[in-house]
C-alpha cells in the first residue's frame, strides 16, 4: 500500500526551486508516518497531536491549493484503506502486532481482589457474605472474559508471515496518515468556516434591518412573507 509521502522528502523533490503544495504535503505525511510506525492507535494519536503542534506547516497552510491537495490525498487513502482485508483491519483495530497476547492466569488477580475485602462473617448474615463474594467473583470473571476475548481476537489477527506484517504496517501507515490529514484539514478549513459563519451572520443582520425579523426572535418565514405581500 504505497502512500504519497514515501516518495521522498520535500528537499529531495524540490531541489533548487520553490516547493509545490504536493511536495510540502508529502514531507508532512512522511514525517507523521515515520514517527508513528510500530505504535498502538493510542500512542500514534498522541504522537501526531504533538507533531502537528510542533511541525513547520506554515508554507503548506498558506498554499492556495492546500485544501484541495489534502482532499485529494484523503480520497486516495480512503480507497487504499478500504481495499485491506478483514484480518489486516482487525489487526490494526486490536493493536495485535503491538500487544502481548499471552493469556495470564486470572486466579492471582481474583485472590488479590478478595483479599482486600473486609467481610467479617462473624458479625454479618452469612447469606449476605455469600452474596458479596459471589458479586465480586462474578464481576471479576466478567472483566477477565472481556479482556481475554480481546486478547484472543488480537492473537488470531496477529501477523504470522512477512507478507501479513507488510500489509499490517502499510495499513497502519495509511490510518496514521489519515489522522494527520484530518488534523491539517481541520486547521485549513477553520478560516473558511469562520468566513461562512460571518457571512451568514451579516445576511441575517441585513434581513432584520430590512424588517424581516419578528419580535419573538428569528426571521419571518417565507410563507408568511408571501401572504403579507399578497395582502392576506
Protein backbone atom coordinates (compact mmCIF):
# COMPACT_ATOMS: atom_id res chain seq x y z
CA UNK A 1 0.00 0.00 0.00
CA UNK A 2 2.12 2.84 -1.29
CA UNK A 3 1.46 6.28 0.15
CA UNK A 4 2.23 9.60 -1.44
CA UNK A 5 4.53 10.58 1.43
CA UNK A 6 7.07 7.81 0.88
CA UNK A 7 8.24 9.20 -2.44
CA UNK A 8 10.94 11.41 -0.97
CA UNK A 9 11.45 14.40 1.24
CA UNK A 10 10.46 17.94 0.40
CA UNK A 11 14.11 18.85 -0.07
CA UNK A 12 14.75 15.98 -2.48
CA UNK A 13 11.63 16.71 -4.53
CA UNK A 14 12.13 20.46 -4.81
CA UNK A 15 15.89 20.99 -5.07
CA UNK A 16 16.60 24.47 -6.33
CA UNK A 17 13.01 25.62 -6.63
CA UNK A 18 10.05 26.66 -4.55
CA UNK A 19 8.32 23.55 -3.19
CA UNK A 20 4.91 22.75 -4.60
CA UNK A 21 1.94 22.05 -2.38
CA UNK A 22 2.07 18.32 -3.09
CA UNK A 23 5.74 18.22 -2.07
CA UNK A 24 5.00 20.06 1.18
CA UNK A 25 2.14 17.70 1.97
CA UNK A 26 4.32 14.72 1.11
CA UNK A 27 7.01 15.85 3.58
CA UNK A 28 4.41 16.44 6.29
CA UNK A 29 2.93 12.97 5.88
CA UNK A 30 6.29 11.26 5.58
CA UNK A 31 7.37 12.59 8.97
CA UNK A 32 3.99 11.84 10.55
CA UNK A 33 4.07 8.21 9.46
CA UNK A 34 7.73 7.77 10.32
CA UNK A 35 7.10 8.91 13.89
CA UNK A 36 4.16 6.55 14.41
CA UNK A 37 5.38 3.30 12.85
CA UNK A 38 5.11 0.40 15.26
CA UNK A 39 2.94 2.34 17.71
CA UNK A 40 -0.51 1.49 19.04
CA UNK A 41 -3.51 3.58 17.96
CA UNK A 42 -3.50 5.50 21.24
CA UNK A 43 0.24 6.16 21.10
CA UNK A 44 0.04 7.21 17.46
CA UNK A 45 -2.73 9.71 18.17
CA UNK A 46 -0.75 11.31 20.99
CA UNK A 47 2.39 11.47 18.85
CA UNK A 48 0.53 13.03 15.91
CA UNK A 49 -1.15 15.64 18.09
CA UNK A 50 2.26 16.66 19.43
CA UNK A 51 3.80 16.54 15.95
CA UNK A 52 1.08 18.75 14.45
CA UNK A 53 1.64 21.36 17.14
CA UNK A 54 5.40 21.48 16.51
CA UNK A 55 5.67 20.80 12.76
CA UNK A 56 6.58 23.65 10.43
CA UNK A 57 3.46 23.75 8.26
CA UNK A 58 3.40 27.50 7.60
CA UNK A 59 4.22 27.24 3.87
CA UNK A 60 1.71 24.42 3.42
CA UNK A 61 -1.02 26.28 5.28
CA UNK A 62 -0.50 29.35 3.10
CA UNK A 63 -0.64 27.45 -0.19
CA UNK A 64 -3.86 28.40 -2.04
CA UNK A 65 -4.45 24.81 -3.17
CA UNK A 66 -3.56 23.17 0.16
CA UNK A 67 -7.12 22.13 0.99
CA UNK A 68 -7.61 20.63 -2.47
CA UNK A 69 -4.38 18.66 -2.10
CA UNK A 70 -5.46 17.36 1.30
CA UNK A 71 -8.87 16.28 -0.01
CA UNK A 72 -7.26 14.51 -2.97
CA UNK A 73 -4.90 12.59 -0.68
CA UNK A 74 -7.78 11.76 1.67
CA UNK A 75 -9.70 10.24 -1.22
CA UNK A 76 -6.68 8.20 -2.30
CA UNK A 77 -6.03 6.90 1.21
CA UNK A 78 -9.69 6.07 1.74
CA UNK A 79 -9.61 3.76 -1.25
CA UNK A 80 -6.41 2.04 -0.13
CA UNK A 81 -7.72 1.53 3.40
CA UNK A 82 -10.98 0.09 2.08
CA UNK A 83 -9.06 -2.45 -0.03
CA UNK A 84 -7.36 -4.03 3.01
CA UNK A 85 -8.53 -7.48 4.02
CA UNK A 86 -10.50 -8.15 7.19
CA UNK A 87 -7.60 -9.68 9.13
CA UNK A 88 -5.45 -6.62 8.44
CA UNK A 89 -8.23 -4.32 9.65
CA UNK A 90 -8.77 -6.35 12.84
CA UNK A 91 -5.01 -6.45 13.37
CA UNK A 92 -4.97 -2.65 13.44
CA UNK A 93 -8.16 -2.31 15.48
CA UNK A 94 -6.81 -4.58 18.23
CA UNK A 95 -3.18 -3.38 18.07
CA UNK A 96 -2.38 -7.07 17.53
CA UNK A 97 1.21 -6.60 16.38
CA UNK A 98 1.95 -4.20 19.24
CA UNK A 99 0.19 -6.13 22.01
CA UNK A 100 1.34 -9.06 24.13
CA UNK A 101 -1.41 -11.60 23.54
CA UNK A 102 -0.17 -14.03 26.18
CA UNK A 103 -3.06 -15.19 28.35
CA UNK A 104 -2.31 -14.76 32.03
CA UNK A 105 -3.81 -16.75 34.89
CA UNK A 106 -6.76 -14.87 36.35
CA UNK A 107 -6.59 -16.67 39.70
CA UNK A 108 -3.91 -14.46 41.23
CA UNK A 109 -5.80 -11.27 40.41
CA UNK A 110 -9.01 -12.63 41.85
CA UNK A 111 -7.26 -13.70 45.04
CA UNK A 112 -5.89 -10.17 45.43
CA UNK A 113 -9.34 -8.61 44.98
CA UNK A 114 -10.89 -10.93 47.55
CA UNK A 115 -8.03 -10.36 49.99
CA UNK A 116 -8.73 -6.62 50.02
CA UNK A 117 -12.35 -7.10 51.06
CA UNK A 118 -13.34 -6.80 54.70
CA UNK A 119 -16.24 -9.20 55.15
CA UNK A 120 -16.41 -10.23 58.81
CA UNK A 121 -18.54 -13.37 58.68
CA UNK A 122 -18.98 -13.47 62.48
CA UNK A 123 -20.93 -10.23 62.64
CA UNK A 124 -22.96 -10.39 59.44
CA UNK A 125 -25.60 -12.59 57.92
CA UNK A 126 -23.79 -15.48 56.20
CA UNK A 127 -26.11 -15.17 53.21
CA UNK A 128 -25.04 -11.52 52.75
CA UNK A 129 -21.41 -12.55 52.89
CA UNK A 130 -22.02 -15.23 50.27
CA UNK A 131 -23.81 -12.73 48.04
CA UNK A 132 -20.95 -10.23 48.36
CA UNK A 133 -18.35 -12.84 47.47
CA UNK A 134 -20.46 -14.06 44.54
CA UNK A 135 -20.92 -10.50 43.23
CA UNK A 136 -17.19 -9.76 43.36
CA UNK A 137 -16.28 -13.10 41.82
CA UNK A 138 -18.84 -12.77 39.02
CA UNK A 139 -17.80 -9.18 38.28
CA UNK A 140 -14.14 -10.06 38.14
CA UNK A 141 -14.84 -13.11 35.99
CA UNK A 142 -16.82 -10.96 33.53
CA UNK A 143 -13.94 -8.49 33.34
CA UNK A 144 -11.46 -11.27 32.64
CA UNK A 145 -13.72 -12.73 29.95
CA UNK A 146 -13.80 -9.38 28.15
CA UNK A 147 -10.04 -8.90 28.49
CA UNK A 148 -9.25 -12.43 27.35
CA UNK A 149 -11.69 -12.15 24.45
CA UNK A 150 -9.88 -9.07 23.19
CA UNK A 151 -6.54 -10.85 23.57
CA UNK A 152 -7.89 -13.87 21.73
CA UNK A 153 -9.08 -11.75 18.80
CA UNK A 154 -5.74 -9.92 18.74
CA UNK A 155 -3.89 -13.24 18.83
CA UNK A 156 -5.89 -14.53 15.85
CA UNK A 157 -5.30 -11.29 13.90
CA UNK A 158 -1.57 -11.14 14.72
CA UNK A 159 0.66 -11.18 11.64
CA UNK A 160 2.32 -14.57 11.12
CA UNK A 161 4.12 -14.10 7.81
CA UNK A 162 6.30 -11.41 6.28
CA UNK A 163 3.53 -10.59 3.81
CA UNK A 164 1.00 -10.13 6.61
CA UNK A 165 3.41 -7.93 8.55
CA UNK A 166 3.93 -5.72 5.49
CA UNK A 167 0.17 -5.44 4.93
CA UNK A 168 -0.41 -4.58 8.59
CA UNK A 169 2.36 -1.98 8.54
CA UNK A 170 1.09 -0.36 5.33
CA UNK A 171 -2.47 -0.29 6.65
CA UNK A 172 -1.34 1.32 9.92
CA UNK A 173 0.69 3.86 7.93
CA UNK A 174 -2.39 4.74 5.90
CA UNK A 175 -4.57 5.10 9.02
CA UNK A 176 -1.98 7.31 10.70
CA UNK A 177 -1.68 9.40 7.54
CA UNK A 178 -5.46 9.81 7.53
CA UNK A 179 -5.35 11.10 11.09
CA UNK A 180 -2.53 13.52 10.26
CA UNK A 181 -4.55 14.76 7.27
CA UNK A 182 -7.64 15.17 9.43
CA UNK A 183 -5.75 17.48 11.80
CA UNK A 184 -4.36 19.50 8.89
CA UNK A 185 -7.73 19.71 7.16
CA UNK A 186 -9.43 20.98 10.31
CA UNK A 187 -6.89 23.77 10.57
CA UNK A 188 -7.19 24.65 6.88
CA UNK A 189 -10.98 24.74 6.98
CA UNK A 190 -11.19 26.87 10.12
CA UNK A 191 -10.82 30.25 8.31
CA UNK A 192 -13.25 29.16 5.58
CA UNK A 193 -15.88 28.10 8.11
CA UNK A 194 -15.34 31.30 10.11
CA UNK A 195 -15.84 33.39 6.95
CA UNK A 196 -19.01 31.46 6.07
CA UNK A 197 -20.35 31.95 9.58
CA UNK A 198 -19.60 35.68 9.45
CA UNK A 199 -21.31 35.91 6.05
CA UNK A 200 -24.46 34.19 7.33
CA UNK A 201 -24.48 36.45 10.36
CA UNK A 202 -24.22 39.52 8.13
CA UNK A 203 -27.03 38.26 5.88
CA UNK A 204 -29.30 37.71 8.88
CA UNK A 205 -28.48 41.20 10.20
CA UNK A 206 -29.41 42.68 6.82
CA UNK A 207 -32.73 40.81 6.80
CA UNK A 208 -33.55 42.10 10.27
CA UNK A 209 -32.60 45.63 9.21
CA UNK A 210 -34.95 45.27 6.22
CA UNK A 211 -37.85 44.44 8.55
CA UNK A 212 -37.89 40.69 8.13
CA UNK A 213 -37.28 39.98 11.80
CA UNK A 214 -40.06 39.16 14.25
CA UNK A 215 -40.47 40.35 17.87
CA UNK A 216 -40.28 36.83 19.28
CA UNK A 217 -36.92 36.32 17.62
CA UNK A 218 -35.85 34.68 14.38
CA UNK A 219 -36.88 35.56 10.87
CA UNK A 220 -40.34 35.71 9.36
CA UNK A 221 -40.91 32.53 7.38
CA UNK A 222 -41.13 32.66 3.58
CA UNK A 223 -44.80 31.63 3.59
CA UNK A 224 -45.65 34.48 5.97
CA UNK A 225 -43.84 36.99 3.77
CA UNK A 226 -45.68 35.68 0.72
CA UNK A 227 -49.03 36.10 2.45
CA UNK A 228 -48.08 39.62 3.56
CA UNK A 229 -47.18 40.62 0.03
CA UNK A 230 -50.45 39.18 -1.25
CA UNK A 231 -52.37 41.27 1.29
CA UNK A 232 -53.61 38.30 3.29
